[in-house]
PDBML (XML) file of the C-alpha atoms, coordinates in Angstrom:
<?xml version="1.0" encoding="UTF-8" ?>
<PDBx:datablock datablockName="MODEL"
   xmlns:PDBx="http://pdbml.pdb.org/schema/pdbx-v50.xsd"
   xmlns:xsi="http://www.w3.org/2001/XMLSchema-instance"
   xsi:schemaLocation="http://pdbml.pdb.org/schema/pdbx-v50.xsd pdbx-v50.xsd">
   <PDBx:atom_siteCategory>
      <PDBx:atom_site id="1">
         <PDBx:B_iso_or_equiv>0.00</PDBx:B_iso_or_equiv>
         <PDBx:Cartn_x>-1.551</PDBx:Cartn_x>
         <PDBx:Cartn_y>6.144</PDBx:Cartn_y>
         <PDBx:Cartn_z>20.468</PDBx:Cartn_z>
         <PDBx:auth_asym_id>A</PDBx:auth_asym_id>
         <PDBx:auth_atom_id>CA</PDBx:auth_atom_id>
         <PDBx:auth_comp_id>ARG</PDBx:auth_comp_id>
         <PDBx:auth_seq_id>1</PDBx:auth_seq_id>
         <PDBx:group_PDB>ATOM</PDBx:group_PDB>
         <PDBx:label_alt_id xsi:nil="true" />
         <PDBx:label_asym_id>A</PDBx:label_asym_id>
         <PDBx:label_atom_id>CA</PDBx:label_atom_id>
         <PDBx:label_comp_id>ARG</PDBx:label_comp_id>
         <PDBx:label_entity_id>1</PDBx:label_entity_id>
         <PDBx:label_seq_id>1</PDBx:label_seq_id>
         <PDBx:occupancy>1.00</PDBx:occupancy>
         <PDBx:pdbx_PDB_model_num>1</PDBx:pdbx_PDB_model_num>
         <PDBx:type_symbol>C</PDBx:type_symbol>
      </PDBx:atom_site>
      <PDBx:atom_site id="2">
         <PDBx:B_iso_or_equiv>0.00</PDBx:B_iso_or_equiv>
         <PDBx:Cartn_x>-0.546</PDBx:Cartn_x>
         <PDBx:Cartn_y>9.827</PDBx:Cartn_y>
         <PDBx:Cartn_z>20.403</PDBx:Cartn_z>
         <PDBx:auth_asym_id>A</PDBx:auth_asym_id>
         <PDBx:auth_atom_id>CA</PDBx:auth_atom_id>
         <PDBx:auth_comp_id>LEU</PDBx:auth_comp_id>
         <PDBx:auth_seq_id>2</PDBx:auth_seq_id>
         <PDBx:group_PDB>ATOM</PDBx:group_PDB>
         <PDBx:label_alt_id xsi:nil="true" />
         <PDBx:label_asym_id>A</PDBx:label_asym_id>
         <PDBx:label_atom_id>CA</PDBx:label_atom_id>
         <PDBx:label_comp_id>LEU</PDBx:label_comp_id>
         <PDBx:label_entity_id>1</PDBx:label_entity_id>
         <PDBx:label_seq_id>2</PDBx:label_seq_id>
         <PDBx:occupancy>1.00</PDBx:occupancy>
         <PDBx:pdbx_PDB_model_num>1</PDBx:pdbx_PDB_model_num>
         <PDBx:type_symbol>C</PDBx:type_symbol>
      </PDBx:atom_site>
      <PDBx:atom_site id="3">
         <PDBx:B_iso_or_equiv>0.00</PDBx:B_iso_or_equiv>
         <PDBx:Cartn_x>-1.902</PDBx:Cartn_x>
         <PDBx:Cartn_y>10.237</PDBx:Cartn_y>
         <PDBx:Cartn_z>16.837</PDBx:Cartn_z>
         <PDBx:auth_asym_id>A</PDBx:auth_asym_id>
         <PDBx:auth_atom_id>CA</PDBx:auth_atom_id>
         <PDBx:auth_comp_id>ALA</PDBx:auth_comp_id>
         <PDBx:auth_seq_id>3</PDBx:auth_seq_id>
         <PDBx:group_PDB>ATOM</PDBx:group_PDB>
         <PDBx:label_alt_id xsi:nil="true" />
         <PDBx:label_asym_id>A</PDBx:label_asym_id>
         <PDBx:label_atom_id>CA</PDBx:label_atom_id>
         <PDBx:label_comp_id>ALA</PDBx:label_comp_id>
         <PDBx:label_entity_id>1</PDBx:label_entity_id>
         <PDBx:label_seq_id>3</PDBx:label_seq_id>
         <PDBx:occupancy>1.00</PDBx:occupancy>
         <PDBx:pdbx_PDB_model_num>1</PDBx:pdbx_PDB_model_num>
         <PDBx:type_symbol>C</PDBx:type_symbol>
      </PDBx:atom_site>
      <PDBx:atom_site id="4">
         <PDBx:B_iso_or_equiv>0.00</PDBx:B_iso_or_equiv>
         <PDBx:Cartn_x>-5.185</PDBx:Cartn_x>
         <PDBx:Cartn_y>8.474</PDBx:Cartn_y>
         <PDBx:Cartn_z>17.564</PDBx:Cartn_z>
         <PDBx:auth_asym_id>A</PDBx:auth_asym_id>
         <PDBx:auth_atom_id>CA</PDBx:auth_atom_id>
         <PDBx:auth_comp_id>VAL</PDBx:auth_comp_id>
         <PDBx:auth_seq_id>4</PDBx:auth_seq_id>
         <PDBx:group_PDB>ATOM</PDBx:group_PDB>
         <PDBx:label_alt_id xsi:nil="true" />
         <PDBx:label_asym_id>A</PDBx:label_asym_id>
         <PDBx:label_atom_id>CA</PDBx:label_atom_id>
         <PDBx:label_comp_id>VAL</PDBx:label_comp_id>
         <PDBx:label_entity_id>1</PDBx:label_entity_id>
         <PDBx:label_seq_id>4</PDBx:label_seq_id>
         <PDBx:occupancy>1.00</PDBx:occupancy>
         <PDBx:pdbx_PDB_model_num>1</PDBx:pdbx_PDB_model_num>
         <PDBx:type_symbol>C</PDBx:type_symbol>
      </PDBx:atom_site>
      <PDBx:atom_site id="5">
         <PDBx:B_iso_or_equiv>0.00</PDBx:B_iso_or_equiv>
         <PDBx:Cartn_x>-5.642</PDBx:Cartn_x>
         <PDBx:Cartn_y>10.623</PDBx:Cartn_y>
         <PDBx:Cartn_z>20.737</PDBx:Cartn_z>
         <PDBx:auth_asym_id>A</PDBx:auth_asym_id>
         <PDBx:auth_atom_id>CA</PDBx:auth_atom_id>
         <PDBx:auth_comp_id>ASP</PDBx:auth_comp_id>
         <PDBx:auth_seq_id>5</PDBx:auth_seq_id>
         <PDBx:group_PDB>ATOM</PDBx:group_PDB>
         <PDBx:label_alt_id xsi:nil="true" />
         <PDBx:label_asym_id>A</PDBx:label_asym_id>
         <PDBx:label_atom_id>CA</PDBx:label_atom_id>
         <PDBx:label_comp_id>ASP</PDBx:label_comp_id>
         <PDBx:label_entity_id>1</PDBx:label_entity_id>
         <PDBx:label_seq_id>5</PDBx:label_seq_id>
         <PDBx:occupancy>1.00</PDBx:occupancy>
         <PDBx:pdbx_PDB_model_num>1</PDBx:pdbx_PDB_model_num>
         <PDBx:type_symbol>C</PDBx:type_symbol>
      </PDBx:atom_site>
      <PDBx:atom_site id="6">
         <PDBx:B_iso_or_equiv>0.00</PDBx:B_iso_or_equiv>
         <PDBx:Cartn_x>-4.918</PDBx:Cartn_x>
         <PDBx:Cartn_y>13.787</PDBx:Cartn_y>
         <PDBx:Cartn_z>18.631</PDBx:Cartn_z>
         <PDBx:auth_asym_id>A</PDBx:auth_asym_id>
         <PDBx:auth_atom_id>CA</PDBx:auth_atom_id>
         <PDBx:auth_comp_id>ARG</PDBx:auth_comp_id>
         <PDBx:auth_seq_id>6</PDBx:auth_seq_id>
         <PDBx:group_PDB>ATOM</PDBx:group_PDB>
         <PDBx:label_alt_id xsi:nil="true" />
         <PDBx:label_asym_id>A</PDBx:label_asym_id>
         <PDBx:label_atom_id>CA</PDBx:label_atom_id>
         <PDBx:label_comp_id>ARG</PDBx:label_comp_id>
         <PDBx:label_entity_id>1</PDBx:label_entity_id>
         <PDBx:label_seq_id>6</PDBx:label_seq_id>
         <PDBx:occupancy>1.00</PDBx:occupancy>
         <PDBx:pdbx_PDB_model_num>1</PDBx:pdbx_PDB_model_num>
         <PDBx:type_symbol>C</PDBx:type_symbol>
      </PDBx:atom_site>
      <PDBx:atom_site id="7">
         <PDBx:B_iso_or_equiv>0.00</PDBx:B_iso_or_equiv>
         <PDBx:Cartn_x>-7.412</PDBx:Cartn_x>
         <PDBx:Cartn_y>12.746</PDBx:Cartn_y>
         <PDBx:Cartn_z>15.987</PDBx:Cartn_z>
         <PDBx:auth_asym_id>A</PDBx:auth_asym_id>
         <PDBx:auth_atom_id>CA</PDBx:auth_atom_id>
         <PDBx:auth_comp_id>ARG</PDBx:auth_comp_id>
         <PDBx:auth_seq_id>7</PDBx:auth_seq_id>
         <PDBx:group_PDB>ATOM</PDBx:group_PDB>
         <PDBx:label_alt_id xsi:nil="true" />
         <PDBx:label_asym_id>A</PDBx:label_asym_id>
         <PDBx:label_atom_id>CA</PDBx:label_atom_id>
         <PDBx:label_comp_id>ARG</PDBx:label_comp_id>
         <PDBx:label_entity_id>1</PDBx:label_entity_id>
         <PDBx:label_seq_id>7</PDBx:label_seq_id>
         <PDBx:occupancy>1.00</PDBx:occupancy>
         <PDBx:pdbx_PDB_model_num>1</PDBx:pdbx_PDB_model_num>
         <PDBx:type_symbol>C</PDBx:type_symbol>
      </PDBx:atom_site>
      <PDBx:atom_site id="8">
         <PDBx:B_iso_or_equiv>0.00</PDBx:B_iso_or_equiv>
         <PDBx:Cartn_x>-10.129</PDBx:Cartn_x>
         <PDBx:Cartn_y>12.074</PDBx:Cartn_y>
         <PDBx:Cartn_z>18.622</PDBx:Cartn_z>
         <PDBx:auth_asym_id>A</PDBx:auth_asym_id>
         <PDBx:auth_atom_id>CA</PDBx:auth_atom_id>
         <PDBx:auth_comp_id>LYS</PDBx:auth_comp_id>
         <PDBx:auth_seq_id>8</PDBx:auth_seq_id>
         <PDBx:group_PDB>ATOM</PDBx:group_PDB>
         <PDBx:label_alt_id xsi:nil="true" />
         <PDBx:label_asym_id>A</PDBx:label_asym_id>
         <PDBx:label_atom_id>CA</PDBx:label_atom_id>
         <PDBx:label_comp_id>LYS</PDBx:label_comp_id>
         <PDBx:label_entity_id>1</PDBx:label_entity_id>
         <PDBx:label_seq_id>8</PDBx:label_seq_id>
         <PDBx:occupancy>1.00</PDBx:occupancy>
         <PDBx:pdbx_PDB_model_num>1</PDBx:pdbx_PDB_model_num>
         <PDBx:type_symbol>C</PDBx:type_symbol>
      </PDBx:atom_site>
      <PDBx:atom_site id="9">
         <PDBx:B_iso_or_equiv>0.00</PDBx:B_iso_or_equiv>
         <PDBx:Cartn_x>-9.549</PDBx:Cartn_x>
         <PDBx:Cartn_y>15.481</PDBx:Cartn_y>
         <PDBx:Cartn_z>20.181</PDBx:Cartn_z>
         <PDBx:auth_asym_id>A</PDBx:auth_asym_id>
         <PDBx:auth_atom_id>CA</PDBx:auth_atom_id>
         <PDBx:auth_comp_id>LEU</PDBx:auth_comp_id>
         <PDBx:auth_seq_id>9</PDBx:auth_seq_id>
         <PDBx:group_PDB>ATOM</PDBx:group_PDB>
         <PDBx:label_alt_id xsi:nil="true" />
         <PDBx:label_asym_id>A</PDBx:label_asym_id>
         <PDBx:label_atom_id>CA</PDBx:label_atom_id>
         <PDBx:label_comp_id>LEU</PDBx:label_comp_id>
         <PDBx:label_entity_id>1</PDBx:label_entity_id>
         <PDBx:label_seq_id>9</PDBx:label_seq_id>
         <PDBx:occupancy>1.00</PDBx:occupancy>
         <PDBx:pdbx_PDB_model_num>1</PDBx:pdbx_PDB_model_num>
         <PDBx:type_symbol>C</PDBx:type_symbol>
      </PDBx:atom_site>
      <PDBx:atom_site id="10">
         <PDBx:B_iso_or_equiv>0.00</PDBx:B_iso_or_equiv>
         <PDBx:Cartn_x>-9.839</PDBx:Cartn_x>
         <PDBx:Cartn_y>17.170</PDBx:Cartn_y>
         <PDBx:Cartn_z>16.800</PDBx:Cartn_z>
         <PDBx:auth_asym_id>A</PDBx:auth_asym_id>
         <PDBx:auth_atom_id>CA</PDBx:auth_atom_id>
         <PDBx:auth_comp_id>ALA</PDBx:auth_comp_id>
         <PDBx:auth_seq_id>10</PDBx:auth_seq_id>
         <PDBx:group_PDB>ATOM</PDBx:group_PDB>
         <PDBx:label_alt_id xsi:nil="true" />
         <PDBx:label_asym_id>A</PDBx:label_asym_id>
         <PDBx:label_atom_id>CA</PDBx:label_atom_id>
         <PDBx:label_comp_id>ALA</PDBx:label_comp_id>
         <PDBx:label_entity_id>1</PDBx:label_entity_id>
         <PDBx:label_seq_id>10</PDBx:label_seq_id>
         <PDBx:occupancy>1.00</PDBx:occupancy>
         <PDBx:pdbx_PDB_model_num>1</PDBx:pdbx_PDB_model_num>
         <PDBx:type_symbol>C</PDBx:type_symbol>
      </PDBx:atom_site>
      <PDBx:atom_site id="11">
         <PDBx:B_iso_or_equiv>0.00</PDBx:B_iso_or_equiv>
         <PDBx:Cartn_x>-13.042</PDBx:Cartn_x>
         <PDBx:Cartn_y>15.467</PDBx:Cartn_y>
         <PDBx:Cartn_z>16.069</PDBx:Cartn_z>
         <PDBx:auth_asym_id>A</PDBx:auth_asym_id>
         <PDBx:auth_atom_id>CA</PDBx:auth_atom_id>
         <PDBx:auth_comp_id>ARG</PDBx:auth_comp_id>
         <PDBx:auth_seq_id>11</PDBx:auth_seq_id>
         <PDBx:group_PDB>ATOM</PDBx:group_PDB>
         <PDBx:label_alt_id xsi:nil="true" />
         <PDBx:label_asym_id>A</PDBx:label_asym_id>
         <PDBx:label_atom_id>CA</PDBx:label_atom_id>
         <PDBx:label_comp_id>ARG</PDBx:label_comp_id>
         <PDBx:label_entity_id>1</PDBx:label_entity_id>
         <PDBx:label_seq_id>11</PDBx:label_seq_id>
         <PDBx:occupancy>1.00</PDBx:occupancy>
         <PDBx:pdbx_PDB_model_num>1</PDBx:pdbx_PDB_model_num>
         <PDBx:type_symbol>C</PDBx:type_symbol>
      </PDBx:atom_site>
      <PDBx:atom_site id="12">
         <PDBx:B_iso_or_equiv>0.00</PDBx:B_iso_or_equiv>
         <PDBx:Cartn_x>-14.472</PDBx:Cartn_x>
         <PDBx:Cartn_y>16.533</PDBx:Cartn_y>
         <PDBx:Cartn_z>19.405</PDBx:Cartn_z>
         <PDBx:auth_asym_id>A</PDBx:auth_asym_id>
         <PDBx:auth_atom_id>CA</PDBx:auth_atom_id>
         <PDBx:auth_comp_id>ARG</PDBx:auth_comp_id>
         <PDBx:auth_seq_id>12</PDBx:auth_seq_id>
         <PDBx:group_PDB>ATOM</PDBx:group_PDB>
         <PDBx:label_alt_id xsi:nil="true" />
         <PDBx:label_asym_id>A</PDBx:label_asym_id>
         <PDBx:label_atom_id>CA</PDBx:label_atom_id>
         <PDBx:label_comp_id>ARG</PDBx:label_comp_id>
         <PDBx:label_entity_id>1</PDBx:label_entity_id>
         <PDBx:label_seq_id>12</PDBx:label_seq_id>
         <PDBx:occupancy>1.00</PDBx:occupancy>
         <PDBx:pdbx_PDB_model_num>1</PDBx:pdbx_PDB_model_num>
         <PDBx:type_symbol>C</PDBx:type_symbol>
      </PDBx:atom_site>
      <PDBx:atom_site id="13">
         <PDBx:B_iso_or_equiv>0.00</PDBx:B_iso_or_equiv>
         <PDBx:Cartn_x>-13.623</PDBx:Cartn_x>
         <PDBx:Cartn_y>20.154</PDBx:Cartn_y>
         <PDBx:Cartn_z>18.648</PDBx:Cartn_z>
         <PDBx:auth_asym_id>A</PDBx:auth_asym_id>
         <PDBx:auth_atom_id>CA</PDBx:auth_atom_id>
         <PDBx:auth_comp_id>ARG</PDBx:auth_comp_id>
         <PDBx:auth_seq_id>13</PDBx:auth_seq_id>
         <PDBx:group_PDB>ATOM</PDBx:group_PDB>
         <PDBx:label_alt_id xsi:nil="true" />
         <PDBx:label_asym_id>A</PDBx:label_asym_id>
         <PDBx:label_atom_id>CA</PDBx:label_atom_id>
         <PDBx:label_comp_id>ARG</PDBx:label_comp_id>
         <PDBx:label_entity_id>1</PDBx:label_entity_id>
         <PDBx:label_seq_id>13</PDBx:label_seq_id>
         <PDBx:occupancy>1.00</PDBx:occupancy>
         <PDBx:pdbx_PDB_model_num>1</PDBx:pdbx_PDB_model_num>
         <PDBx:type_symbol>C</PDBx:type_symbol>
      </PDBx:atom_site>
      <PDBx:atom_site id="14">
         <PDBx:B_iso_or_equiv>0.00</PDBx:B_iso_or_equiv>
         <PDBx:Cartn_x>-15.456</PDBx:Cartn_x>
         <PDBx:Cartn_y>20.185</PDBx:Cartn_y>
         <PDBx:Cartn_z>15.302</PDBx:Cartn_z>
         <PDBx:auth_asym_id>A</PDBx:auth_asym_id>
         <PDBx:auth_atom_id>CA</PDBx:auth_atom_id>
         <PDBx:auth_comp_id>LEU</PDBx:auth_comp_id>
         <PDBx:auth_seq_id>14</PDBx:auth_seq_id>
         <PDBx:group_PDB>ATOM</PDBx:group_PDB>
         <PDBx:label_alt_id xsi:nil="true" />
         <PDBx:label_asym_id>A</PDBx:label_asym_id>
         <PDBx:label_atom_id>CA</PDBx:label_atom_id>
         <PDBx:label_comp_id>LEU</PDBx:label_comp_id>
         <PDBx:label_entity_id>1</PDBx:label_entity_id>
         <PDBx:label_seq_id>14</PDBx:label_seq_id>
         <PDBx:occupancy>1.00</PDBx:occupancy>
         <PDBx:pdbx_PDB_model_num>1</PDBx:pdbx_PDB_model_num>
         <PDBx:type_symbol>C</PDBx:type_symbol>
      </PDBx:atom_site>
      <PDBx:atom_site id="15">
         <PDBx:B_iso_or_equiv>0.00</PDBx:B_iso_or_equiv>
         <PDBx:Cartn_x>-19.164</PDBx:Cartn_x>
         <PDBx:Cartn_y>21.078</PDBx:Cartn_y>
         <PDBx:Cartn_z>15.669</PDBx:Cartn_z>
         <PDBx:auth_asym_id>A</PDBx:auth_asym_id>
         <PDBx:auth_atom_id>CA</PDBx:auth_atom_id>
         <PDBx:auth_comp_id>PRO</PDBx:auth_comp_id>
         <PDBx:auth_seq_id>15</PDBx:auth_seq_id>
         <PDBx:group_PDB>ATOM</PDBx:group_PDB>
         <PDBx:label_alt_id xsi:nil="true" />
         <PDBx:label_asym_id>A</PDBx:label_asym_id>
         <PDBx:label_atom_id>CA</PDBx:label_atom_id>
         <PDBx:label_comp_id>PRO</PDBx:label_comp_id>
         <PDBx:label_entity_id>1</PDBx:label_entity_id>
         <PDBx:label_seq_id>15</PDBx:label_seq_id>
         <PDBx:occupancy>1.00</PDBx:occupancy>
         <PDBx:pdbx_PDB_model_num>1</PDBx:pdbx_PDB_model_num>
         <PDBx:type_symbol>C</PDBx:type_symbol>
      </PDBx:atom_site>
      <PDBx:atom_site id="16">
         <PDBx:B_iso_or_equiv>0.00</PDBx:B_iso_or_equiv>
         <PDBx:Cartn_x>-21.623</PDBx:Cartn_x>
         <PDBx:Cartn_y>18.700</PDBx:Cartn_y>
         <PDBx:Cartn_z>14.189</PDBx:Cartn_z>
         <PDBx:auth_asym_id>A</PDBx:auth_asym_id>
         <PDBx:auth_atom_id>CA</PDBx:auth_atom_id>
         <PDBx:auth_comp_id>HIS</PDBx:auth_comp_id>
         <PDBx:auth_seq_id>16</PDBx:auth_seq_id>
         <PDBx:group_PDB>ATOM</PDBx:group_PDB>
         <PDBx:label_alt_id xsi:nil="true" />
         <PDBx:label_asym_id>A</PDBx:label_asym_id>
         <PDBx:label_atom_id>CA</PDBx:label_atom_id>
         <PDBx:label_comp_id>HIS</PDBx:label_comp_id>
         <PDBx:label_entity_id>1</PDBx:label_entity_id>
         <PDBx:label_seq_id>16</PDBx:label_seq_id>
         <PDBx:occupancy>1.00</PDBx:occupancy>
         <PDBx:pdbx_PDB_model_num>1</PDBx:pdbx_PDB_model_num>
         <PDBx:type_symbol>C</PDBx:type_symbol>
      </PDBx:atom_site>
      <PDBx:atom_site id="17">
         <PDBx:B_iso_or_equiv>0.00</PDBx:B_iso_or_equiv>
         <PDBx:Cartn_x>-22.820</PDBx:Cartn_x>
         <PDBx:Cartn_y>20.597</PDBx:Cartn_y>
         <PDBx:Cartn_z>11.020</PDBx:Cartn_z>
         <PDBx:auth_asym_id>A</PDBx:auth_asym_id>
         <PDBx:auth_atom_id>CA</PDBx:auth_atom_id>
         <PDBx:auth_comp_id>LEU</PDBx:auth_comp_id>
         <PDBx:auth_seq_id>17</PDBx:auth_seq_id>
         <PDBx:group_PDB>ATOM</PDBx:group_PDB>
         <PDBx:label_alt_id xsi:nil="true" />
         <PDBx:label_asym_id>A</PDBx:label_asym_id>
         <PDBx:label_atom_id>CA</PDBx:label_atom_id>
         <PDBx:label_comp_id>LEU</PDBx:label_comp_id>
         <PDBx:label_entity_id>1</PDBx:label_entity_id>
         <PDBx:label_seq_id>17</PDBx:label_seq_id>
         <PDBx:occupancy>1.00</PDBx:occupancy>
         <PDBx:pdbx_PDB_model_num>1</PDBx:pdbx_PDB_model_num>
         <PDBx:type_symbol>C</PDBx:type_symbol>
      </PDBx:atom_site>
      <PDBx:atom_site id="18">
         <PDBx:B_iso_or_equiv>0.00</PDBx:B_iso_or_equiv>
         <PDBx:Cartn_x>-25.617</PDBx:Cartn_x>
         <PDBx:Cartn_y>18.389</PDBx:Cartn_y>
         <PDBx:Cartn_z>9.665</PDBx:Cartn_z>
         <PDBx:auth_asym_id>A</PDBx:auth_asym_id>
         <PDBx:auth_atom_id>CA</PDBx:auth_atom_id>
         <PDBx:auth_comp_id>GLY</PDBx:auth_comp_id>
         <PDBx:auth_seq_id>18</PDBx:auth_seq_id>
         <PDBx:group_PDB>ATOM</PDBx:group_PDB>
         <PDBx:label_alt_id xsi:nil="true" />
         <PDBx:label_asym_id>A</PDBx:label_asym_id>
         <PDBx:label_atom_id>CA</PDBx:label_atom_id>
         <PDBx:label_comp_id>GLY</PDBx:label_comp_id>
         <PDBx:label_entity_id>1</PDBx:label_entity_id>
         <PDBx:label_seq_id>18</PDBx:label_seq_id>
         <PDBx:occupancy>1.00</PDBx:occupancy>
         <PDBx:pdbx_PDB_model_num>1</PDBx:pdbx_PDB_model_num>
         <PDBx:type_symbol>C</PDBx:type_symbol>
      </PDBx:atom_site>
      <PDBx:atom_site id="19">
         <PDBx:B_iso_or_equiv>0.00</PDBx:B_iso_or_equiv>
         <PDBx:Cartn_x>-26.797</PDBx:Cartn_x>
         <PDBx:Cartn_y>17.976</PDBx:Cartn_y>
         <PDBx:Cartn_z>6.099</PDBx:Cartn_z>
         <PDBx:auth_asym_id>A</PDBx:auth_asym_id>
         <PDBx:auth_atom_id>CA</PDBx:auth_atom_id>
         <PDBx:auth_comp_id>GLU</PDBx:auth_comp_id>
         <PDBx:auth_seq_id>19</PDBx:auth_seq_id>
         <PDBx:group_PDB>ATOM</PDBx:group_PDB>
         <PDBx:label_alt_id xsi:nil="true" />
         <PDBx:label_asym_id>A</PDBx:label_asym_id>
         <PDBx:label_atom_id>CA</PDBx:label_atom_id>
         <PDBx:label_comp_id>GLU</PDBx:label_comp_id>
         <PDBx:label_entity_id>1</PDBx:label_entity_id>
         <PDBx:label_seq_id>19</PDBx:label_seq_id>
         <PDBx:occupancy>1.00</PDBx:occupancy>
         <PDBx:pdbx_PDB_model_num>1</PDBx:pdbx_PDB_model_num>
         <PDBx:type_symbol>C</PDBx:type_symbol>
      </PDBx:atom_site>
      <PDBx:atom_site id="20">
         <PDBx:B_iso_or_equiv>0.00</PDBx:B_iso_or_equiv>
         <PDBx:Cartn_x>-28.206</PDBx:Cartn_x>
         <PDBx:Cartn_y>21.618</PDBx:Cartn_y>
         <PDBx:Cartn_z>5.837</PDBx:Cartn_z>
         <PDBx:auth_asym_id>A</PDBx:auth_asym_id>
         <PDBx:auth_atom_id>CA</PDBx:auth_atom_id>
         <PDBx:auth_comp_id>ASP</PDBx:auth_comp_id>
         <PDBx:auth_seq_id>20</PDBx:auth_seq_id>
         <PDBx:group_PDB>ATOM</PDBx:group_PDB>
         <PDBx:label_alt_id xsi:nil="true" />
         <PDBx:label_asym_id>A</PDBx:label_asym_id>
         <PDBx:label_atom_id>CA</PDBx:label_atom_id>
         <PDBx:label_comp_id>ASP</PDBx:label_comp_id>
         <PDBx:label_entity_id>1</PDBx:label_entity_id>
         <PDBx:label_seq_id>20</PDBx:label_seq_id>
         <PDBx:occupancy>1.00</PDBx:occupancy>
         <PDBx:pdbx_PDB_model_num>1</PDBx:pdbx_PDB_model_num>
         <PDBx:type_symbol>C</PDBx:type_symbol>
      </PDBx:atom_site>
      <PDBx:atom_site id="21">
         <PDBx:B_iso_or_equiv>0.00</PDBx:B_iso_or_equiv>
         <PDBx:Cartn_x>-24.985</PDBx:Cartn_x>
         <PDBx:Cartn_y>23.270</PDBx:Cartn_y>
         <PDBx:Cartn_z>6.889</PDBx:Cartn_z>
         <PDBx:auth_asym_id>A</PDBx:auth_asym_id>
         <PDBx:auth_atom_id>CA</PDBx:auth_atom_id>
         <PDBx:auth_comp_id>ALA</PDBx:auth_comp_id>
         <PDBx:auth_seq_id>21</PDBx:auth_seq_id>
         <PDBx:group_PDB>ATOM</PDBx:group_PDB>
         <PDBx:label_alt_id xsi:nil="true" />
         <PDBx:label_asym_id>A</PDBx:label_asym_id>
         <PDBx:label_atom_id>CA</PDBx:label_atom_id>
         <PDBx:label_comp_id>ALA</PDBx:label_comp_id>
         <PDBx:label_entity_id>1</PDBx:label_entity_id>
         <PDBx:label_seq_id>21</PDBx:label_seq_id>
         <PDBx:occupancy>1.00</PDBx:occupancy>
         <PDBx:pdbx_PDB_model_num>1</PDBx:pdbx_PDB_model_num>
         <PDBx:type_symbol>C</PDBx:type_symbol>
      </PDBx:atom_site>
      <PDBx:atom_site id="22">
         <PDBx:B_iso_or_equiv>0.00</PDBx:B_iso_or_equiv>
         <PDBx:Cartn_x>-22.920</PDBx:Cartn_x>
         <PDBx:Cartn_y>21.053</PDBx:Cartn_y>
         <PDBx:Cartn_z>4.715</PDBx:Cartn_z>
         <PDBx:auth_asym_id>A</PDBx:auth_asym_id>
         <PDBx:auth_atom_id>CA</PDBx:auth_atom_id>
         <PDBx:auth_comp_id>LEU</PDBx:auth_comp_id>
         <PDBx:auth_seq_id>22</PDBx:auth_seq_id>
         <PDBx:group_PDB>ATOM</PDBx:group_PDB>
         <PDBx:label_alt_id xsi:nil="true" />
         <PDBx:label_asym_id>A</PDBx:label_asym_id>
         <PDBx:label_atom_id>CA</PDBx:label_atom_id>
         <PDBx:label_comp_id>LEU</PDBx:label_comp_id>
         <PDBx:label_entity_id>1</PDBx:label_entity_id>
         <PDBx:label_seq_id>22</PDBx:label_seq_id>
         <PDBx:occupancy>1.00</PDBx:occupancy>
         <PDBx:pdbx_PDB_model_num>1</PDBx:pdbx_PDB_model_num>
         <PDBx:type_symbol>C</PDBx:type_symbol>
      </PDBx:atom_site>
      <PDBx:atom_site id="23">
         <PDBx:B_iso_or_equiv>0.00</PDBx:B_iso_or_equiv>
         <PDBx:Cartn_x>-24.882</PDBx:Cartn_x>
         <PDBx:Cartn_y>22.038</PDBx:Cartn_y>
         <PDBx:Cartn_z>1.688</PDBx:Cartn_z>
         <PDBx:auth_asym_id>A</PDBx:auth_asym_id>
         <PDBx:auth_atom_id>CA</PDBx:auth_atom_id>
         <PDBx:auth_comp_id>SER</PDBx:auth_comp_id>
         <PDBx:auth_seq_id>23</PDBx:auth_seq_id>
         <PDBx:group_PDB>ATOM</PDBx:group_PDB>
         <PDBx:label_alt_id xsi:nil="true" />
         <PDBx:label_asym_id>A</PDBx:label_asym_id>
         <PDBx:label_atom_id>CA</PDBx:label_atom_id>
         <PDBx:label_comp_id>SER</PDBx:label_comp_id>
         <PDBx:label_entity_id>1</PDBx:label_entity_id>
         <PDBx:label_seq_id>23</PDBx:label_seq_id>
         <PDBx:occupancy>1.00</PDBx:occupancy>
         <PDBx:pdbx_PDB_model_num>1</PDBx:pdbx_PDB_model_num>
         <PDBx:type_symbol>C</PDBx:type_symbol>
      </PDBx:atom_site>
      <PDBx:atom_site id="24">
         <PDBx:B_iso_or_equiv>0.00</PDBx:B_iso_or_equiv>
         <PDBx:Cartn_x>-24.556</PDBx:Cartn_x>
         <PDBx:Cartn_y>25.741</PDBx:Cartn_y>
         <PDBx:Cartn_z>2.613</PDBx:Cartn_z>
         <PDBx:auth_asym_id>A</PDBx:auth_asym_id>
         <PDBx:auth_atom_id>CA</PDBx:auth_atom_id>
         <PDBx:auth_comp_id>ARG</PDBx:auth_comp_id>
         <PDBx:auth_seq_id>24</PDBx:auth_seq_id>
         <PDBx:group_PDB>ATOM</PDBx:group_PDB>
         <PDBx:label_alt_id xsi:nil="true" />
         <PDBx:label_asym_id>A</PDBx:label_asym_id>
         <PDBx:label_atom_id>CA</PDBx:label_atom_id>
         <PDBx:label_comp_id>ARG</PDBx:label_comp_id>
         <PDBx:label_entity_id>1</PDBx:label_entity_id>
         <PDBx:label_seq_id>24</PDBx:label_seq_id>
         <PDBx:occupancy>1.00</PDBx:occupancy>
         <PDBx:pdbx_PDB_model_num>1</PDBx:pdbx_PDB_model_num>
         <PDBx:type_symbol>C</PDBx:type_symbol>
      </PDBx:atom_site>
   </PDBx:atom_siteCategory>
</PDBx:datablock>
């Protein structure tokens, strides 16, 4: 449960980059 919570928190902190930003 602690690991899942940490993973969820890390995903919320990352901005959504989108296809254009990923290619850049």
